[in-house]
Protein backbone atom coordinates (compact mmCIF):
# COMPACT_ATOMS: atom_id res chain seq x y z
CA UNK A 1 6.96 33.00 1.74
CA UNK A 2 6.56 29.34 2.70
CA UNK A 3 4.55 28.65 -0.45
CA UNK A 4 7.25 30.22 -2.60
CA UNK A 5 10.01 28.20 -0.90
CA UNK A 6 8.00 25.02 -1.39
CA UNK A 7 7.55 25.68 -5.11
CA UNK A 8 11.31 26.16 -5.48
CA UNK A 9 11.91 23.03 -3.39
CA UNK A 10 9.55 20.96 -5.56
CA UNK A 11 11.06 22.35 -8.75
CA UNK A 12 14.47 21.06 -7.66
CA UNK A 13 13.16 17.49 -7.07
CA UNK A 14 15.29 16.08 -9.91
CA UNK A 15 18.48 17.32 -8.25
CA UNK A 16 20.42 14.88 -6.12
CA UNK A 17 21.20 17.79 -3.79
CA UNK A 18 18.60 20.58 -3.77
CA UNK A 19 20.81 23.34 -2.27
CA UNK A 20 23.52 22.50 -4.80
CA UNK A 21 20.99 22.51 -7.65
CA UNK A 22 19.72 25.86 -6.44
CA UNK A 23 23.26 27.25 -6.37
CA UNK A 24 23.86 26.18 -9.98
CA UNK A 25 20.60 27.81 -11.08
CA UNK A 26 21.46 31.07 -9.29
CA UNK A 27 24.93 31.14 -10.86
CA UNK A 28 23.39 30.80 -14.32
CA UNK A 29 20.91 33.59 -13.58
CA UNK A 30 23.78 35.80 -12.42
CA UNK A 31 25.72 35.04 -15.60
CA UNK A 32 22.74 35.73 -17.88
CA UNK A 33 21.78 38.99 -16.16
CA UNK A 34 25.20 40.66 -16.13
CA UNK A 35 25.36 44.20 -17.34
CA UNK A 36 22.07 46.03 -17.65
CA UNK A 37 19.86 43.01 -18.28
CA UNK A 38 17.19 42.41 -15.65
CA UNK A 39 15.99 38.98 -14.56
CA UNK A 40 12.89 38.38 -16.64
CA UNK A 41 10.89 35.33 -17.76
CA UNK A 42 13.28 34.64 -20.65
CA UNK A 43 16.31 34.62 -18.35
CA UNK A 44 14.58 32.30 -15.89
CA UNK A 45 13.43 30.00 -18.72
CA UNK A 46 16.93 29.74 -20.16
CA UNK A 47 18.50 29.04 -16.77
CA UNK A 48 15.90 26.46 -15.81
CA UNK A 49 16.55 24.60 -19.06
CA UNK A 50 20.31 24.78 -18.65
CA UNK A 51 19.94 23.42 -15.11
CA UNK A 52 17.75 20.52 -16.26
CA UNK A 53 14.75 21.78 -14.30
CA UNK A 54 11.21 21.44 -15.64
CA UNK A 55 9.17 24.21 -14.08
CA UNK A 56 7.09 27.19 -15.15
CA UNK A 57 9.44 30.18 -15.72
CA UNK A 58 6.66 32.67 -14.98
CA UNK A 59 5.76 30.91 -11.74
CA UNK A 60 9.39 30.69 -10.67
CA UNK A 61 9.99 34.37 -11.42
CA UNK A 62 6.95 35.28 -9.33
CA UNK A 63 8.26 33.26 -6.40
CA UNK A 64 11.80 34.56 -6.84
CA UNK A 65 10.32 38.03 -6.38
CA UNK A 66 8.32 36.88 -3.33
CA UNK A 67 11.53 35.56 -1.78
CA UNK A 68 13.31 38.84 -2.75
CA UNK A 69 15.89 36.84 -4.70
CA UNK A 70 14.90 39.15 -7.54
CA UNK A 71 14.45 42.67 -6.15
CA UNK A 72 11.94 45.31 -7.19
CA UNK A 73 14.29 46.58 -9.90
CA UNK A 74 14.59 43.09 -11.42
CA UNK A 75 18.13 42.51 -10.16
CA UNK A 76 19.46 39.33 -8.61
CA UNK A 77 20.11 39.68 -4.87
CA UNK A 78 22.95 37.25 -4.15
CA UNK A 79 22.56 37.54 -0.38
CA UNK A 80 18.88 36.62 -0.53
CA UNK A 81 19.67 33.79 -2.93
CA UNK A 82 22.18 32.46 -0.40
CA UNK A 83 19.53 32.66 2.34
CA UNK A 84 17.16 30.58 0.19
CA UNK A 85 19.92 28.01 -0.30
CA UNK A 86 20.34 27.76 3.47
CA UNK A 87 16.57 27.45 3.89
CA UNK A 88 16.45 24.62 1.34
CA UNK A 89 19.20 22.84 3.25
CA UNK A 90 17.33 23.23 6.55
CA UNK A 91 14.01 22.13 5.05
CA UNK A 92 15.56 18.98 3.59
CA UNK A 93 12.84 16.58 2.47
CA UNK A 94 10.19 17.80 4.91
CA UNK A 95 8.14 19.22 2.04
CA UNK A 96 8.02 15.83 0.34
CA UNK A 97 4.77 13.92 0.67
CA UNK A 98 4.76 11.63 3.65
CA UNK A 99 4.47 7.95 2.69
CA UNK A 100 1.09 6.34 3.31
CA UNK A 101 0.81 5.35 6.92
CA UNK A 102 0.93 1.72 7.84
CA UNK A 103 -0.82 0.38 10.90
CA UNK A 104 -0.98 -2.85 12.81
CA UNK A 105 -3.02 -4.08 15.73
CA UNK A 106 -2.84 -7.30 17.75
CA UNK A 107 -5.42 -10.02 17.11
CA UNK A 108 -5.96 -13.21 19.09
CA UNK A 109 -8.06 -16.32 19.51
CA UNK A 110 -8.62 -16.63 23.25
CA UNK A 111 -10.60 -19.57 24.65
CA UNK A 112 -13.03 -18.89 27.49
CA UNK A 113 -10.64 -19.95 30.25
CA UNK A 114 -8.04 -17.49 28.99
CA UNK A 115 -10.57 -14.70 28.56
CA UNK A 116 -11.58 -15.15 32.18
CA UNK A 117 -8.02 -14.32 33.20
CA UNK A 118 -7.70 -11.20 31.04
CA UNK A 119 -10.30 -8.54 31.65
CA UNK A 120 -11.15 -6.64 29.60
CA UNK A 121 -9.98 -8.68 26.59
CA UNK A 122 -6.82 -6.93 25.35
CA UNK A 123 -7.40 -7.36 21.63
CA UNK A 124 -9.86 -8.19 18.90
CA UNK A 125 -10.72 -11.82 18.21
CA UNK A 126 -9.49 -13.63 15.10
CA UNK A 127 -12.90 -14.81 13.89
CA UNK A 128 -14.40 -11.33 14.03
CA UNK A 129 -11.41 -9.67 12.38
CA UNK A 130 -11.56 -12.07 9.42
CA UNK A 131 -15.26 -11.34 8.90
CA UNK A 132 -14.74 -7.58 9.16
CA UNK A 133 -11.92 -7.63 6.62
CA UNK A 134 -13.93 -9.69 4.12
CA UNK A 135 -16.96 -7.44 4.59
CA UNK A 136 -14.83 -4.38 3.68
CA UNK A 137 -13.44 -5.93 0.51
CA UNK A 138 -14.17 -4.26 -2.81
CA UNK A 139 -11.71 -5.87 -5.24
CA UNK A 140 -10.00 -9.04 -4.03
CA UNK A 141 -9.67 -11.43 -1.11
CA UNK A 142 -6.88 -13.97 -0.72
CA UNK A 143 -7.19 -16.61 1.99
CA UNK A 144 -4.24 -18.87 2.76
CA UNK A 145 -4.24 -21.64 5.36
CA UNK A 146 -2.85 -25.16 5.24
CA UNK A 147 -5.59 -26.61 7.45
CA UNK A 148 -9.29 -25.96 6.92
CA UNK A 149 -12.45 -27.52 8.31
CA UNK A 150 -16.16 -27.21 7.60
CA UNK A 151 -16.90 -25.25 10.78
CA UNK A 152 -14.54 -22.41 9.81
CA UNK A 153 -15.76 -22.41 6.21
CA UNK A 154 -19.32 -22.15 7.50
CA UNK A 155 -18.30 -19.23 9.74
CA UNK A 156 -16.87 -17.30 6.76
CA UNK A 157 -19.43 -18.47 4.21
CA UNK A 158 -21.90 -15.59 4.43
CA UNK A 159 -19.28 -12.85 4.20
CA UNK A 160 -17.42 -14.59 1.38
CA UNK A 161 -20.59 -15.11 -0.65
CA UNK A 162 -21.57 -11.47 -0.18
CA UNK A 163 -18.11 -10.51 -1.47
CA UNK A 164 -18.47 -12.87 -4.44
CA UNK A 165 -21.82 -11.27 -5.35
CA UNK A 166 -20.16 -7.82 -5.21
CA UNK A 167 -17.70 -9.00 -7.84
CA UNK A 168 -14.79 -9.40 -5.44
CA UNK A 169 -12.23 -11.95 -6.66
CA UNK A 170 -11.85 -14.61 -3.94
CA UNK A 171 -8.78 -16.87 -4.07
CA UNK A 172 -8.23 -19.66 -1.55
CA UNK A 173 -4.83 -21.30 -1.03
CA UNK A 174 -4.66 -24.46 1.05
CA UNK A 175 -2.86 -27.78 1.32
CA UNK A 176 -3.43 -30.92 -0.73
CA UNK A 177 -6.79 -32.55 0.02
CA UNK A 178 -8.23 -29.52 1.82
CA UNK A 179 -9.77 -27.89 -1.24
CA UNK A 180 -12.87 -30.08 -0.88
CA UNK A 181 -13.78 -28.22 2.32
CA UNK A 182 -14.72 -25.24 0.16
CA UNK A 183 -17.37 -27.17 -1.80
CA UNK A 184 -20.32 -25.35 -0.13
CA UNK A 185 -18.90 -21.98 -1.24
CA UNK A 186 -18.24 -23.29 -4.76
CA UNK A 187 -21.81 -24.65 -4.99
CA UNK A 188 -23.35 -21.35 -3.94
CA UNK A 189 -21.11 -19.42 -6.34
CA UNK A 190 -22.43 -21.33 -9.36
CA UNK A 191 -24.70 -19.12 -11.40
CA UNK A 192 -23.44 -15.92 -9.77
CA UNK A 193 -22.77 -13.62 -12.77
CA UNK A 194 -19.93 -11.57 -11.29
CA UNK A 195 -18.24 -14.50 -9.57
CA UNK A 196 -14.46 -14.98 -9.64
CA UNK A 197 -13.68 -17.76 -7.18
CA UNK A 198 -10.63 -20.03 -7.23
CA UNK A 199 -9.39 -22.77 -4.89
CA UNK A 200 -5.75 -23.85 -5.21
CA UNK A 201 -3.96 -26.66 -3.39
CA UNK A 202 -0.28 -26.03 -2.71
CA UNK A 203 2.63 -28.44 -2.60
CA UNK A 204 6.36 -28.35 -3.20
CA UNK A 205 9.01 -30.99 -3.88
CA UNK A 206 10.12 -30.96 -0.27
CA UNK A 207 6.73 -30.57 1.44
CA UNK A 208 3.26 -31.86 0.67
CA UNK A 209 2.00 -29.09 2.97
CA UNK A 210 3.24 -26.55 0.45
CA UNK A 211 2.75 -23.50 2.63
CA UNK A 212 2.34 -23.04 6.37
CA UNK A 213 1.21 -19.42 6.00
CA UNK A 214 -2.03 -18.31 7.62
CA UNK A 215 -2.98 -15.10 5.90
CA UNK A 216 -6.04 -13.14 4.81
CA UNK A 217 -5.41 -10.23 2.45
CA UNK A 218 -8.08 -7.80 1.27
CA UNK A 219 -7.74 -5.40 -1.66
CA UNK A 220 -3.93 -5.73 -1.34
CA UNK A 221 -4.05 -3.05 1.35
CA UNK A 222 -5.41 -4.73 4.48
CA UNK A 223 -4.95 -8.10 6.02
CA UNK A 224 -4.44 -10.56 8.84
CA UNK A 225 -1.25 -12.55 9.45
CA UNK A 226 -1.10 -14.95 12.36
CA UNK A 227 -0.96 -18.46 13.73
CA UNK A 228 -4.63 -19.38 13.29
CA UNK A 229 -5.68 -21.99 10.76
CA UNK A 230 -9.16 -21.83 9.25
CA UNK A 231 -10.49 -24.42 11.66
CA UNK A 232 -12.88 -24.42 14.59
CA UNK A 233 -9.85 -24.80 16.86
CA UNK A 234 -7.97 -21.94 15.22
CA UNK A 235 -10.95 -19.61 15.47
CA UNK A 236 -12.18 -20.63 18.89
CA UNK A 237 -10.41 -23.30 20.94
CA UNK A 238 -6.67 -22.69 20.61
CA UNK A 239 -4.73 -19.68 21.81
CA UNK A 240 -3.72 -17.97 18.56
CA UNK A 241 -1.90 -14.68 18.08
CA UNK A 242 -1.68 -12.52 14.97
CA UNK A 243 -1.79 -8.98 13.69
CA UNK A 244 -4.21 -6.98 11.57
CA UNK A 245 -2.29 -4.90 9.02
CA UNK A 246 -2.99 -2.02 6.70
CA UNK A 247 -0.80 -0.01 4.36
CA UNK A 248 1.12 -0.32 1.10
CA UNK A 249 3.40 -3.03 2.51
CA UNK A 250 0.45 -5.43 2.40
CA UNK A 251 0.85 -5.46 -1.37
CA UNK A 252 4.25 -7.13 -0.87
CA UNK A 253 2.49 -10.00 0.87
CA UNK A 254 -0.07 -10.12 -1.93
CA UNK A 255 2.67 -10.40 -4.55
CA UNK A 256 4.25 -13.22 -2.57
CA UNK A 257 0.97 -15.13 -2.41
CA UNK A 258 0.45 -14.53 -6.13
CA UNK A 259 3.74 -16.34 -6.75
CA UNK A 260 2.92 -19.13 -4.31
CA UNK A 261 -0.45 -19.65 -5.98
CA UNK A 262 1.26 -20.20 -9.33
CA UNK A 263 3.14 -23.15 -7.79
CA UNK A 264 -0.07 -24.85 -6.73
CA UNK A 265 -2.72 -26.87 -8.50
CA UNK A 266 -6.00 -25.12 -9.27
CA UNK A 267 -8.59 -27.68 -8.15
CA UNK A 268 -11.67 -25.65 -8.94
CA UNK A 269 -12.70 -22.19 -10.10
CA UNK A 270 -15.98 -20.48 -10.83
CA UNK A 271 -15.82 -17.63 -13.32
CA UNK A 272 -18.95 -15.66 -14.17
CA UNK A 273 -21.00 -18.38 -12.50
CA UNK A 274 -19.52 -21.21 -14.60
CA UNK A 275 -17.58 -24.07 -13.03
CA UNK A 276 -14.08 -24.66 -14.41
CA UNK A 277 -11.62 -27.31 -13.28
C-alpha cells in the first residue's frame, strides 16, 4: 500500500499541489469511464497525458488497483480516490528525497597553557584537521590565507605533495608578496606528470591584502573555515577558532573563491610538471 501511494506521489511531482493534481486526474478518469467502460490502461494513459503527468499507465493502473481506487470490476471507486487524496495531503513532501546532510564540528588552535586549562581538549586541532582534509582529497584543494610562513608551508608540504602526485588540483590564494613562501612546493612539483598547482596573489583597489579569508576547501564538499592563518602562530601559538564543514553548501564557498581567484595575479603555476608564469 505504501509503495503504491509513493508511486502516485512521485508521479504527481510536476504538480504545484499534489492533492489537487490527483483530484484533476481522478475527475478525468471518471469522465472517461462513464457508462459501461472500465478503467483500463488506455483510459489511464489518456488521463495521465491530459493531466500533464509523465508516468507509466500500466504501473499506475496496477497501483490504482492496489489502493482500491479501481475495484475488482474495473470501476472507479470515488470514495477510495478521495481517501488517497487525503493521504497525499497528509504525506506532503515526506516521500521526497532528503537533502544531503551537512555537518560541522569545532576546530581550534590551543597553545599549551590553554590546553592545560581544558581537559580533555574539547575539539580537534587546526593543524591536524588541515592535514586530514588534504589527505582525503581526490579532485581539488583550495587554500586561502593572507599570511603564510615557511613553518606552516613545511607542515603541509608532505600532504600537499602527495595530493599533487595523485592528480589533485591544488590552488593557493594569498596576499601580495606571500606567494614566494610556496617555492619549496613549486620546486618539488616540477616534473610531476599529473601536477596542477597554482599560486595566486590577491589584491583589490581598496586593499593590498585582497582577502582576509582563511579557508581550506577539499573536493568542493569538505573544508575548514576559521581565524587561523597559515603560519606557525596560527597553527600553534595563537588561540584560533574555526569549524570543519561538509556538505553541498561547501560548493558555494568554492564558487566564491573561484571568483576571488580570478581577481588575483597568478604568480606561478605548474601544469603537468612544467613551470608556467
